[in-house]
Amino acid sequence: MRSLLLRGLLLVSLLVLSACSSKFISYSGPEVTKLEIYKGQRVLKVFSGDRVLKSYEIDLGFGAVGDKQFEGDGRTPEGRYTIDRRNPNSSFYLSLGISYPNADDRAYARSVGKSPGGDIFIHGQPNLSGKRGPDWTAGCIAIRNSEIRLLYAMVENGTVINIFP
């Protein structure tokens, strides 16, 4: 009886582990050297050197037009940043942190007496409520969960990300 119980527990454990690990995949393709976001076209491009490896449709912040200036404006920042962190437990499936705000962003916000905000990510869809309409984030860049799954595997911390109007 005990042997049967142990086998059952082992099977359940394996099922749980396989379900959890399915979120993470391996990538063995060309090195990703930079990301480019074109806000007006709603596209994210993944590069290795000058070659585009992948291209994704994106959703932006609810105040999509213009550069992020301060916390709560709903805009996605514009400029040169890096991927500086990863969140495997994101409320938006998986997420890659963008190094916003930089020194210029902080200085501008300070000059108008506001906070620049922060926590800008490339992420998937909300874990509980499914995909939303266009430009629904608070300033982040959103893609499909299957796409962030691959991007999360492809991109290393320190990768440059250029965000254009």
C-alpha atoms as a PDB file:
ATOM      1  CA  MET A   1       0.000   0.000   0.000  1.00  0.00           C
ATOM      2  CA  ARG A   2       2.786   2.408   0.931  1.00  0.00           C
ATOM      3  CA  SER A   3       4.569   1.679  -2.374  1.00  0.00           C
ATOM      4  CA  LEU A   4       1.403   2.489  -4.293  1.00  0.00           C
ATOM      5  CA  LEU A   5       0.997   5.751  -2.358  1.00  0.00           C
ATOM      6  CA  LEU A   6       4.615   6.747  -3.067  1.00  0.00           C
ATOM      7  CA  ARG A   7       4.178   6.013  -6.769  1.00  0.00           C
ATOM      8  CA  GLY A   8       1.046   8.155  -6.817  1.00  0.00           C
ATOM      9  CA  LEU A   9       2.840  11.039  -5.099  1.00  0.00           C
ATOM     10  CA  LEU A  10       5.747  10.732  -7.522  1.00  0.00           C
ATOM     11  CA  LEU A  11       3.388  10.848 -10.513  1.00  0.00           C
ATOM     12  CA  VAL A  12       1.577  13.911  -9.159  1.00  0.00           C
ATOM     13  CA  SER A  13       4.925  15.620  -8.469  1.00  0.00           C
ATOM     14  CA  LEU A  14       6.133  14.934 -12.000  1.00  0.00           C
ATOM     15  CA  LEU A  15       2.918  16.307 -13.481  1.00  0.00           C
ATOM     16  CA  VAL A  16       3.167  19.472 -11.397  1.00  0.00           C
ATOM     17  CA  LEU A  17       6.819  19.980 -12.307  1.00  0.00           C
ATOM     18  CA  SER A  18       6.203  19.422 -16.007  1.00  0.00           C
ATOM     19  CA  ALA A  19       3.323  21.915 -15.971  1.00  0.00           C
ATOM     20  CA  CYS A  20       5.502  24.526 -14.251  1.00  0.00           C
ATOM     21  CA  SER A  21       8.509  24.004 -16.467  1.00  0.00           C
ATOM     22  CA  SER A  22       6.500  24.265 -19.691  1.00  0.00           C
ATOM     23  CA  LYS A  23       6.599  28.055 -19.262  1.00  0.00           C
ATOM     24  CA  PHE A  24      10.366  28.038 -19.835  1.00  0.00           C
ATOM     25  CA  ILE A  25      12.092  26.938 -22.998  1.00  0.00           C
ATOM     26  CA  SER A  26      15.674  26.804 -24.241  1.00  0.00           C
ATOM     27  CA  TYR A  27      17.062  28.867 -27.086  1.00  0.00           C
ATOM     28  CA  SER A  28      20.131  27.866 -29.078  1.00  0.00           C
ATOM     29  CA  GLY A  29      19.854  30.204 -32.084  1.00  0.00           C
ATOM     30  CA  PRO A  30      21.870  33.286 -33.015  1.00  0.00           C
ATOM     31  CA  GLU A  31      22.764  35.726 -30.232  1.00  0.00           C
ATOM     32  CA  VAL A  32      20.256  38.540 -29.814  1.00  0.00           C
ATOM     33  CA  THR A  33      22.232  41.791 -30.010  1.00  0.00           C
ATOM     34  CA  LYS A  34      19.427  44.348 -29.762  1.00  0.00           C
ATOM     35  CA  LEU A  35      15.696  44.927 -29.670  1.00  0.00           C
ATOM     36  CA  GLU A  36      13.907  47.746 -31.474  1.00  0.00           C
ATOM     37  CA  ILE A  37      10.404  48.983 -30.702  1.00  0.00           C
ATOM     38  CA  TYR A  38       8.553  51.098 -33.270  1.00  0.00           C
ATOM     39  CA  LYS A  39       5.635  52.517 -31.324  1.00  0.00           C
ATOM     40  CA  GLY A  40       3.860  54.068 -34.323  1.00  0.00           C
ATOM     41  CA  GLN A  41       3.918  50.762 -36.202  1.00  0.00           C
ATOM     42  CA  ARG A  42       3.188  48.725 -33.036  1.00  0.00           C
ATOM     43  CA  VAL A  43       6.081  46.363 -33.731  1.00  0.00           C
ATOM     44  CA  LEU A  44       9.001  44.873 -31.779  1.00  0.00           C
ATOM     45  CA  LYS A  45      11.969  43.611 -33.813  1.00  0.00           C
ATOM     46  CA  VAL A  46      14.591  41.196 -32.485  1.00  0.00           C
ATOM     47  CA  PHE A  47      18.047  41.488 -34.072  1.00  0.00           C
ATOM     48  CA  SER A  48      21.241  39.516 -34.337  1.00  0.00           C
ATOM     49  CA  GLY A  49      23.633  42.061 -35.815  1.00  0.00           C
ATOM     50  CA  ASP A  50      21.757  43.626 -38.732  1.00  0.00           C
ATOM     51  CA  ARG A  51      19.531  40.588 -39.283  1.00  0.00           C
ATOM     52  CA  VAL A  52      15.952  40.585 -37.993  1.00  0.00           C
ATOM     53  CA  LEU A  53      15.321  37.272 -36.234  1.00  0.00           C
ATOM     54  CA  LYS A  54      11.740  37.886 -35.119  1.00  0.00           C
ATOM     55  CA  SER A  55       9.103  40.567 -35.375  1.00  0.00           C
ATOM     56  CA  TYR A  56       6.101  40.872 -33.037  1.00  0.00           C
ATOM     57  CA  GLU A  57       2.942  42.983 -32.963  1.00  0.00           C
ATOM     58  CA  ILE A  58       2.725  44.891 -29.681  1.00  0.00           C
ATOM     59  CA  ASP A  59       0.318  46.722 -27.415  1.00  0.00           C
ATOM     60  CA  LEU A  60       1.547  49.825 -25.592  1.00  0.00           C
ATOM     61  CA  GLY A  61       0.555  52.078 -22.727  1.00  0.00           C
ATOM     62  CA  PHE A  62      -2.934  53.602 -22.740  1.00  0.00           C
ATOM     63  CA  GLY A  63      -1.340  57.023 -23.477  1.00  0.00           C
ATOM     64  CA  ALA A  64       0.583  55.550 -26.392  1.00  0.00           C
ATOM     65  CA  VAL A  65       1.487  58.735 -28.296  1.00  0.00           C
ATOM     66  CA  GLY A  66       4.538  60.583 -27.008  1.00  0.00           C
ATOM     67  CA  ASP A  67       7.447  59.829 -24.709  1.00  0.00           C
ATOM     68  CA  LYS A  68       6.866  58.764 -21.104  1.00  0.00           C
ATOM     69  CA  GLN A  69       7.406  61.830 -18.933  1.00  0.00           C
ATOM     70  CA  PHE A  70       6.180  60.891 -15.495  1.00  0.00           C
ATOM     71  CA  GLU A  71       4.467  58.231 -13.438  1.00  0.00           C
ATOM     72  CA  GLY A  72       0.851  57.617 -14.364  1.00  0.00           C
ATOM     73  CA  ASP A  73       0.878  59.183 -17.841  1.00  0.00           C
ATOM     74  CA  GLY A  74       0.272  55.780 -19.477  1.00  0.00           C
ATOM     75  CA  ARG A  75       3.000  56.355 -22.036  1.00  0.00           C
ATOM     76  CA  THR A  76       5.710  53.965 -23.148  1.00  0.00           C
ATOM     77  CA  PRO A  77       9.193  55.514 -22.916  1.00  0.00           C
ATOM     78  CA  GLU A  78      11.270  56.403 -25.982  1.00  0.00           C
ATOM     79  CA  GLY A  79      15.043  56.213 -26.142  1.00  0.00           C
ATOM     80  CA  ARG A  80      17.908  53.812 -25.581  1.00  0.00           C
ATOM     81  CA  TYR A  81      17.669  51.425 -22.654  1.00  0.00           C
ATOM     82  CA  THR A  82      18.755  47.897 -21.741  1.00  0.00           C
ATOM     83  CA  ILE A  83      17.030  44.758 -20.541  1.00  0.00           C
ATOM     84  CA  ASP A  84      18.026  44.854 -16.876  1.00  0.00           C
ATOM     85  CA  ARG A  85      15.964  42.186 -15.102  1.00  0.00           C
ATOM     86  CA  ARG A  86      13.615  39.240 -15.530  1.00  0.00           C
ATOM     87  CA  ASN A  87      10.436  38.285 -13.737  1.00  0.00           C
ATOM     88  CA  PRO A  88       9.525  34.607 -14.070  1.00  0.00           C
ATOM     89  CA  ASN A  89       6.560  35.136 -11.697  1.00  0.00           C
ATOM     90  CA  SER A  90       5.017  38.112 -13.470  1.00  0.00           C
ATOM     91  CA  SER A  91       1.286  38.827 -13.285  1.00  0.00           C
ATOM     92  CA  PHE A  92       1.659  39.024 -17.079  1.00  0.00           C
ATOM     93  CA  TYR A  93       3.025  35.492 -17.682  1.00  0.00           C
ATOM     94  CA  LEU A  94       6.744  36.388 -18.048  1.00  0.00           C
ATOM     95  CA  SER A  95       8.405  39.785 -18.221  1.00  0.00           C
ATOM     96  CA  LEU A  96      11.682  41.429 -19.178  1.00  0.00           C
ATOM     97  CA  GLY A  97      12.539  44.657 -17.350  1.00  0.00           C
ATOM     98  CA  ILE A  98      13.580  47.799 -19.225  1.00  0.00           C
ATOM     99  CA  SER A  99      16.102  50.122 -17.545  1.00  0.00           C
ATOM    100  CA  TYR A 100      13.684  53.073 -17.481  1.00  0.00           C
ATOM    101  CA  PRO A 101      14.095  55.646 -16.006  1.00  0.00           C
ATOM    102  CA  ASN A 102      17.555  56.756 -17.064  1.00  0.00           C
ATOM    103  CA  ALA A 103      19.291  59.918 -15.781  1.00  0.00           C
ATOM    104  CA  ASP A 104      17.601  62.135 -18.406  1.00  0.00           C
ATOM    105  CA  ASP A 105      14.164  60.710 -17.583  1.00  0.00           C
ATOM    106  CA  ARG A 106      14.697  61.362 -13.862  1.00  0.00           C
ATOM    107  CA  ALA A 107      15.996  64.897 -14.486  1.00  0.00           C
ATOM    108  CA  TYR A 108      13.017  65.836 -16.660  1.00  0.00           C
ATOM    109  CA  ALA A 109      10.470  64.489 -14.188  1.00  0.00           C
ATOM    110  CA  ARG A 110      12.243  66.276 -11.325  1.00  0.00           C
ATOM    111  CA  SER A 111      12.203  69.555 -13.316  1.00  0.00           C
ATOM    112  CA  VAL A 112       8.390  69.443 -13.434  1.00  0.00           C
ATOM    113  CA  GLY A 113       8.064  68.249  -9.836  1.00  0.00           C
ATOM    114  CA  LYS A 114       6.930  64.708 -10.624  1.00  0.00           C
ATOM    115  CA  SER A 115       8.156  61.128 -10.328  1.00  0.00           C
ATOM    116  CA  PRO A 116       9.371  59.489 -13.562  1.00  0.00           C
ATOM    117  CA  GLY A 117       7.746  56.204 -12.580  1.00  0.00           C
ATOM    118  CA  GLY A 118       9.383  52.879 -13.307  1.00  0.00           C
ATOM    119  CA  ASP A 119       8.688  49.183 -13.649  1.00  0.00           C
ATOM    120  CA  ILE A 120       8.489  49.270 -17.436  1.00  0.00           C
ATOM    121  CA  PHE A 121       8.565  45.775 -18.939  1.00  0.00           C
ATOM    122  CA  ILE A 122       8.083  43.757 -22.084  1.00  0.00           C
ATOM    123  CA  HIS A 123       5.522  41.218 -20.917  1.00  0.00           C
ATOM    124  CA  GLY A 124       2.802  38.784 -21.881  1.00  0.00           C
ATOM    125  CA  GLN A 125      -0.910  38.919 -21.224  1.00  0.00           C
ATOM    126  CA  PRO A 126      -2.583  39.176 -17.807  1.00  0.00           C
ATOM    127  CA  ASN A 127      -2.624  35.838 -16.003  1.00  0.00           C
ATOM    128  CA  LEU A 128      -6.276  36.053 -14.985  1.00  0.00           C
ATOM    129  CA  SER A 129      -8.223  38.104 -17.492  1.00  0.00           C
ATOM    130  CA  GLY A 130      -6.832  37.218 -20.928  1.00  0.00           C
ATOM    131  CA  LYS A 131      -5.824  39.569 -23.738  1.00  0.00           C
ATOM    132  CA  ARG A 132      -7.179  43.071 -23.614  1.00  0.00           C
ATOM    133  CA  GLY A 133      -7.784  45.623 -26.349  1.00  0.00           C
ATOM    134  CA  PRO A 134      -5.042  47.674 -27.974  1.00  0.00           C
ATOM    135  CA  ASP A 135      -2.795  49.919 -25.877  1.00  0.00           C
ATOM    136  CA  TRP A 136      -3.997  48.780 -22.481  1.00  0.00           C
ATOM    137  CA  THR A 137      -0.800  48.698 -20.398  1.00  0.00           C
ATOM    138  CA  ALA A 138       0.353  51.352 -17.918  1.00  0.00           C
ATOM    139  CA  GLY A 139       3.389  52.070 -20.154  1.00  0.00           C
ATOM    140  CA  CYS A 140       4.777  48.607 -20.830  1.00  0.00           C
ATOM    141  CA  ILE A 141       5.089  46.686 -24.097  1.00  0.00           C
ATOM    142  CA  ALA A 142       2.810  43.649 -24.297  1.00  0.00           C
ATOM    143  CA  ILE A 143       3.010  40.660 -26.651  1.00  0.00           C
ATOM    144  CA  ARG A 144       1.322  37.263 -26.729  1.00  0.00           C
ATOM    145  CA  ASN A 145       2.325  34.722 -24.070  1.00  0.00           C
ATOM    146  CA  SER A 146       3.764  32.333 -26.673  1.00  0.00           C
ATOM    147  CA  GLU A 147       5.918  35.210 -27.954  1.00  0.00           C
ATOM    148  CA  ILE A 148       7.207  36.386 -24.559  1.00  0.00           C
ATOM    149  CA  ARG A 149       8.027  32.768 -23.789  1.00  0.00           C
ATOM    150  CA  LEU A 150      10.435  32.670 -26.741  1.00  0.00           C
ATOM    151  CA  LEU A 151      11.716  36.223 -26.236  1.00  0.00           C
ATOM    152  CA  TYR A 152      12.397  35.484 -22.556  1.00  0.00           C
ATOM    153  CA  ALA A 153      14.582  32.554 -23.647  1.00  0.00           C
ATOM    154  CA  MET A 154      16.341  34.509 -26.418  1.00  0.00           C
ATOM    155  CA  VAL A 155      17.228  37.766 -24.668  1.00  0.00           C
ATOM    156  CA  GLU A 156      19.953  38.171 -22.057  1.00  0.00           C
ATOM    157  CA  ASN A 157      20.134  40.887 -19.418  1.00  0.00           C
ATOM    158  CA  GLY A 158      22.200  43.773 -20.802  1.00  0.00           C
ATOM    159  CA  THR A 159      20.675  43.555 -24.292  1.00  0.00           C
ATOM    160  CA  VAL A 160      20.135  47.024 -25.786  1.00  0.00           C
ATOM    161  CA  ILE A 161      16.574  48.104 -26.522  1.00  0.00           C
ATOM    162  CA  ASN A 162      15.873  51.161 -28.672  1.00  0.00           C
ATOM    163  CA  ILE A 163      12.340  52.530 -28.456  1.00  0.00           C
ATOM    164  CA  PHE A 164      11.301  54.817 -31.299  1.00  0.00           C
ATOM    165  CA  PRO A 165       8.170  56.976 -31.676  1.00  0.00           C
END
